[in-house]
Amino acid sequence: MRGSNVKVGSIRENITGLPDERIFEVLLERKVALARRTLKPLSIVLFKIDRFTSFALYLQEQAMRVSSRLVVATLRDSDTVCHIGPGVIGAILDETSESGAVWAADRIRRAALDAPARDVVSLSAGVACYPSHSMDATELLTLGTAALESALVLGPSRIEVTTIF
């Protein structure tokens, strides 16, 4: 299929070269189980390129390349970074509490603002943490997605942490 971003059966997204959402979900399940067993915190940060859908296709691809490289270069080698969907990059931060996750997300957000493509690309982020927000990987991803959606509504280049009521 010409022009398709993802190959059928592929575990890597073509534009960024990052593992895809299926890998993210499997790894998140395993890493939450490991965090539970070792009594260590774990955080996820979901980044979305602000105004991504307003970009022309070639700009979307370039923005994804630049943003994925930025996230990978800024985080630790032990952290997991995956392509989650159009304009969305997810990171699993092992042994990282809420404050550490916010700090890491802010480093990436600031790096995007300092990058040569800053006039085009800015990132918003949603943060969710084990065990403070959820003890379940699926719910953690849902909460992280909700925090990201909140960040996108509140303005560009914003970081929001999930809230529990």
C-alpha atoms as a PDB file:
ATOM      1  CA  MET A   1       0.000   0.000   0.000  1.00  0.00           C
ATOM      2  CA  ARG A   2       1.721   3.148  -1.170  1.00  0.00           C
ATOM      3  CA  GLY A   3       2.089   6.034   1.269  1.00  0.00           C
ATOM      4  CA  SER A   4       1.237   3.922   4.309  1.00  0.00           C
ATOM      5  CA  ASN A   5       3.145   4.881   7.450  1.00  0.00           C
ATOM      6  CA  VAL A   6       2.990   1.457   9.065  1.00  0.00           C
ATOM      7  CA  LYS A   7       3.736  -1.895   7.480  1.00  0.00           C
ATOM      8  CA  VAL A   8       1.342  -4.719   8.273  1.00  0.00           C
ATOM      9  CA  GLY A   9       2.965  -6.858  10.945  1.00  0.00           C
ATOM     10  CA  SER A  10       5.660  -4.248  11.553  1.00  0.00           C
ATOM     11  CA  ILE A  11       6.679  -3.400  15.092  1.00  0.00           C
ATOM     12  CA  ARG A  12       8.411  -0.183  14.037  1.00  0.00           C
ATOM     13  CA  GLU A  13       6.750   2.885  12.605  1.00  0.00           C
ATOM     14  CA  ASN A  14       8.336   3.865   9.272  1.00  0.00           C
ATOM     15  CA  ILE A  15       8.778   7.614   9.755  1.00  0.00           C
ATOM     16  CA  THR A  16      10.251   7.684  13.262  1.00  0.00           C
ATOM     17  CA  GLY A  17      11.736   4.197  13.413  1.00  0.00           C
ATOM     18  CA  LEU A  18      10.275   3.876  16.904  1.00  0.00           C
ATOM     19  CA  PRO A  19       8.439   0.781  18.142  1.00  0.00           C
ATOM     20  CA  ASP A  20       4.690   1.108  17.686  1.00  0.00           C
ATOM     21  CA  GLU A  21       1.768   1.311  20.116  1.00  0.00           C
ATOM     22  CA  ARG A  22       1.392  -2.468  20.360  1.00  0.00           C
ATOM     23  CA  ILE A  23       4.927  -2.752  21.714  1.00  0.00           C
ATOM     24  CA  PHE A  24       4.284   0.153  24.100  1.00  0.00           C
ATOM     25  CA  GLU A  25       1.222  -1.578  25.556  1.00  0.00           C
ATOM     26  CA  VAL A  26       2.991  -4.927  26.011  1.00  0.00           C
ATOM     27  CA  LEU A  27       6.054  -3.313  27.587  1.00  0.00           C
ATOM     28  CA  LEU A  28       3.899  -1.166  29.861  1.00  0.00           C
ATOM     29  CA  GLU A  29       2.103  -4.276  31.172  1.00  0.00           C
ATOM     30  CA  ARG A  30       5.431  -5.971  31.891  1.00  0.00           C
ATOM     31  CA  LYS A  31       7.078  -2.910  33.392  1.00  0.00           C
ATOM     32  CA  VAL A  32       4.116  -2.263  35.702  1.00  0.00           C
ATOM     33  CA  ALA A  33       4.321  -5.898  36.847  1.00  0.00           C
ATOM     34  CA  LEU A  34       8.063  -5.482  37.497  1.00  0.00           C
ATOM     35  CA  ALA A  35       7.499  -2.199  39.345  1.00  0.00           C
ATOM     36  CA  ARG A  36       4.868  -3.926  41.492  1.00  0.00           C
ATOM     37  CA  ARG A  37       7.247  -6.779  42.305  1.00  0.00           C
ATOM     38  CA  THR A  38      10.231  -4.506  43.086  1.00  0.00           C
ATOM     39  CA  LEU A  39       8.152  -1.789  44.800  1.00  0.00           C
ATOM     40  CA  LYS A  40       9.563   0.904  42.487  1.00  0.00           C
ATOM     41  CA  PRO A  41       7.681   3.785  40.843  1.00  0.00           C
ATOM     42  CA  LEU A  42       7.098   3.974  37.104  1.00  0.00           C
ATOM     43  CA  SER A  43       5.769   6.836  35.007  1.00  0.00           C
ATOM     44  CA  ILE A  44       4.468   7.307  31.518  1.00  0.00           C
ATOM     45  CA  VAL A  45       4.637  10.529  29.570  1.00  0.00           C
ATOM     46  CA  LEU A  46       2.614  10.968  26.396  1.00  0.00           C
ATOM     47  CA  PHE A  47       3.772  13.783  24.101  1.00  0.00           C
ATOM     48  CA  LYS A  48       1.729  15.256  21.271  1.00  0.00           C
ATOM     49  CA  ILE A  49       2.869  17.748  18.686  1.00  0.00           C
ATOM     50  CA  ASP A  50       0.718  20.831  19.119  1.00  0.00           C
ATOM     51  CA  ARG A  51      -1.551  21.616  16.128  1.00  0.00           C
ATOM     52  CA  PHE A  52      -0.315  18.427  14.401  1.00  0.00           C
ATOM     53  CA  THR A  53      -3.428  17.908  12.260  1.00  0.00           C
ATOM     54  CA  SER A  54      -3.131  21.425  10.825  1.00  0.00           C
ATOM     55  CA  PHE A  55       0.240  20.576   9.221  1.00  0.00           C
ATOM     56  CA  ALA A  56       0.641  19.483   5.619  1.00  0.00           C
ATOM     57  CA  LEU A  57       1.582  15.786   5.342  1.00  0.00           C
ATOM     58  CA  TYR A  58       5.260  16.468   4.659  1.00  0.00           C
ATOM     59  CA  LEU A  59       5.410  18.762   7.714  1.00  0.00           C
ATOM     60  CA  GLN A  60       3.698  16.111   9.848  1.00  0.00           C
ATOM     61  CA  GLU A  61       6.367  13.599   8.858  1.00  0.00           C
ATOM     62  CA  GLN A  62       9.204  16.040   9.520  1.00  0.00           C
ATOM     63  CA  ALA A  63       7.686  17.073  12.858  1.00  0.00           C
ATOM     64  CA  MET A  64       7.447  13.404  13.899  1.00  0.00           C
ATOM     65  CA  ARG A  65      11.067  12.761  12.917  1.00  0.00           C
ATOM     66  CA  VAL A  66      12.351  15.812  14.778  1.00  0.00           C
ATOM     67  CA  SER A  67      10.207  15.207  17.855  1.00  0.00           C
ATOM     68  CA  SER A  68      11.013  11.508  18.138  1.00  0.00           C
ATOM     69  CA  ARG A  69      14.754  12.217  17.891  1.00  0.00           C
ATOM     70  CA  LEU A  70      14.429  14.938  20.507  1.00  0.00           C
ATOM     71  CA  VAL A  71      12.591  12.679  22.965  1.00  0.00           C
ATOM     72  CA  VAL A  72      15.017   9.781  22.482  1.00  0.00           C
ATOM     73  CA  ALA A  73      18.080  12.048  22.801  1.00  0.00           C
ATOM     74  CA  THR A  74      16.778  13.720  25.969  1.00  0.00           C
ATOM     75  CA  LEU A  75      15.618  10.674  27.936  1.00  0.00           C
ATOM     76  CA  ARG A  76      17.800   7.987  29.514  1.00  0.00           C
ATOM     77  CA  ASP A  77      18.873   4.997  27.435  1.00  0.00           C
ATOM     78  CA  SER A  78      16.931   2.773  29.837  1.00  0.00           C
ATOM     79  CA  ASP A  79      13.637   4.568  29.121  1.00  0.00           C
ATOM     80  CA  THR A  80      11.271   3.195  26.470  1.00  0.00           C
ATOM     81  CA  VAL A  81      10.084   5.512  23.686  1.00  0.00           C
ATOM     82  CA  CYS A  82       7.387   4.452  21.187  1.00  0.00           C
ATOM     83  CA  HIS A  83       5.235   5.933  18.429  1.00  0.00           C
ATOM     84  CA  ILE A  84       1.681   5.878  19.781  1.00  0.00           C
ATOM     85  CA  GLY A  85      -0.291   7.454  16.967  1.00  0.00           C
ATOM     86  CA  PRO A  86      -0.434  10.473  14.652  1.00  0.00           C
ATOM     87  CA  GLY A  87       1.633  13.157  16.337  1.00  0.00           C
ATOM     88  CA  VAL A  88       1.913  11.179  19.598  1.00  0.00           C
ATOM     89  CA  ILE A  89       5.046   9.735  21.210  1.00  0.00           C
ATOM     90  CA  GLY A  90       4.926   7.748  24.443  1.00  0.00           C
ATOM     91  CA  ALA A  91       7.673   7.182  26.998  1.00  0.00           C
ATOM     92  CA  ILE A  92       7.864   4.696  29.849  1.00  0.00           C
ATOM     93  CA  LEU A  93      10.174   5.972  32.565  1.00  0.00           C
ATOM     94  CA  ASP A  94      11.393   3.167  34.828  1.00  0.00           C
ATOM     95  CA  GLU A  95      11.966   3.925  38.503  1.00  0.00           C
ATOM     96  CA  THR A  96      10.631   7.450  38.031  1.00  0.00           C
ATOM     97  CA  SER A  97       8.207   9.178  40.366  1.00  0.00           C
ATOM     98  CA  GLU A  98       5.697  11.865  39.379  1.00  0.00           C
ATOM     99  CA  SER A  99       8.131  14.708  40.054  1.00  0.00           C
ATOM    100  CA  GLY A 100      10.852  12.998  38.013  1.00  0.00           C
ATOM    101  CA  ALA A 101       8.450  12.436  35.128  1.00  0.00           C
ATOM    102  CA  VAL A 102       7.347  16.070  35.137  1.00  0.00           C
ATOM    103  CA  TRP A 103      11.002  17.148  35.222  1.00  0.00           C
ATOM    104  CA  ALA A 104      11.834  14.886  32.245  1.00  0.00           C
ATOM    105  CA  ALA A 105       8.770  16.092  30.298  1.00  0.00           C
ATOM    106  CA  ASP A 106       9.745  19.699  30.970  1.00  0.00           C
ATOM    107  CA  ARG A 107      13.305  19.094  29.739  1.00  0.00           C
ATOM    108  CA  ILE A 108      11.873  17.740  26.484  1.00  0.00           C
ATOM    109  CA  ARG A 109       9.324  20.547  26.190  1.00  0.00           C
ATOM    110  CA  ARG A 110      12.060  23.158  26.683  1.00  0.00           C
ATOM    111  CA  ALA A 111      14.381  21.381  24.240  1.00  0.00           C
ATOM    112  CA  ALA A 112      11.611  21.511  21.612  1.00  0.00           C
ATOM    113  CA  LEU A 113      11.237  25.252  22.212  1.00  0.00           C
ATOM    114  CA  ASP A 114      15.005  25.702  21.738  1.00  0.00           C
ATOM    115  CA  ALA A 115      15.202  23.524  18.602  1.00  0.00           C
ATOM    116  CA  PRO A 116      15.572  25.031  15.118  1.00  0.00           C
ATOM    117  CA  ALA A 117      12.035  23.847  14.274  1.00  0.00           C
ATOM    118  CA  ARG A 118      10.576  25.702  17.301  1.00  0.00           C
ATOM    119  CA  ASP A 119       8.528  28.007  15.083  1.00  0.00           C
ATOM    120  CA  VAL A 120       6.648  24.960  13.797  1.00  0.00           C
ATOM    121  CA  VAL A 121       6.891  22.277  16.470  1.00  0.00           C
ATOM    122  CA  SER A 122       6.002  22.453  20.145  1.00  0.00           C
ATOM    123  CA  LEU A 123       5.045  19.564  22.397  1.00  0.00           C
ATOM    124  CA  SER A 124       2.385  19.146  25.048  1.00  0.00           C
ATOM    125  CA  ALA A 125       2.528  16.251  27.504  1.00  0.00           C
ATOM    126  CA  GLY A 126       0.387  14.157  29.808  1.00  0.00           C
ATOM    127  CA  VAL A 127       1.880  12.326  32.806  1.00  0.00           C
ATOM    128  CA  ALA A 128       0.553   9.351  34.759  1.00  0.00           C
ATOM    129  CA  CYS A 129       2.391   7.339  37.424  1.00  0.00           C
ATOM    130  CA  TYR A 130       2.394   3.930  39.069  1.00  0.00           C
ATOM    131  CA  PRO A 131       1.466   3.481  41.911  1.00  0.00           C
ATOM    132  CA  SER A 132       0.228   6.984  42.789  1.00  0.00           C
ATOM    133  CA  HIS A 133      -2.341   7.259  39.974  1.00  0.00           C
ATOM    134  CA  SER A 134      -3.067   3.649  39.124  1.00  0.00           C
ATOM    135  CA  MET A 135      -1.938   0.106  39.854  1.00  0.00           C
ATOM    136  CA  ASP A 136      -3.067  -1.110  36.396  1.00  0.00           C
ATOM    137  CA  ALA A 137      -1.208  -0.608  33.107  1.00  0.00           C
ATOM    138  CA  THR A 138      -4.338  -0.136  30.988  1.00  0.00           C
ATOM    139  CA  GLU A 139      -5.774   2.422  33.378  1.00  0.00           C
ATOM    140  CA  LEU A 140      -2.389   4.168  33.576  1.00  0.00           C
ATOM    141  CA  LEU A 141      -2.420   4.596  29.795  1.00  0.00           C
ATOM    142  CA  THR A 142      -6.009   5.867  29.902  1.00  0.00           C
ATOM    143  CA  LEU A 143      -5.117   8.390  32.609  1.00  0.00           C
ATOM    144  CA  GLY A 144      -2.017   9.523  30.714  1.00  0.00           C
ATOM    145  CA  THR A 145      -4.127  10.029  27.592  1.00  0.00           C
ATOM    146  CA  ALA A 146      -6.662  12.090  29.554  1.00  0.00           C
ATOM    147  CA  ALA A 147      -3.862  14.248  31.002  1.00  0.00           C
ATOM    148  CA  LEU A 148      -2.477  14.778  27.484  1.00  0.00           C
ATOM    149  CA  GLU A 149      -5.908  15.792  26.181  1.00  0.00           C
ATOM    150  CA  SER A 150      -6.201  18.262  29.056  1.00  0.00           C
ATOM    151  CA  ALA A 151      -2.783  19.731  28.227  1.00  0.00           C
ATOM    152  CA  LEU A 152      -3.790  20.169  24.583  1.00  0.00           C
ATOM    153  CA  VAL A 153      -6.987  22.001  25.580  1.00  0.00           C
ATOM    154  CA  LEU A 154      -5.186  24.327  28.000  1.00  0.00           C
ATOM    155  CA  GLY A 155      -2.661  25.570  25.483  1.00  0.00           C
ATOM    156  CA  PRO A 156       0.406  24.769  23.463  1.00  0.00           C
ATOM    157  CA  SER A 157       3.609  23.521  25.092  1.00  0.00           C
ATOM    158  CA  ARG A 158       1.797  22.459  28.256  1.00  0.00           C
ATOM    159  CA  ILE A 159       2.390  19.586  30.708  1.00  0.00           C
ATOM    160  CA  GLU A 160      -0.473  18.139  32.730  1.00  0.00           C
ATOM    161  CA  VAL A 161      -0.385  15.428  35.374  1.00  0.00           C
ATOM    162  CA  THR A 162      -3.376  13.155  35.695  1.00  0.00           C
ATOM    163  CA  THR A 163      -5.698  13.794  38.591  1.00  0.00           C
ATOM    164  CA  ILE A 164      -7.477  11.200  40.669  1.00  0.00           C
ATOM    165  CA  PHE A 165     -10.845  12.055  42.211  1.00  0.00           C
END
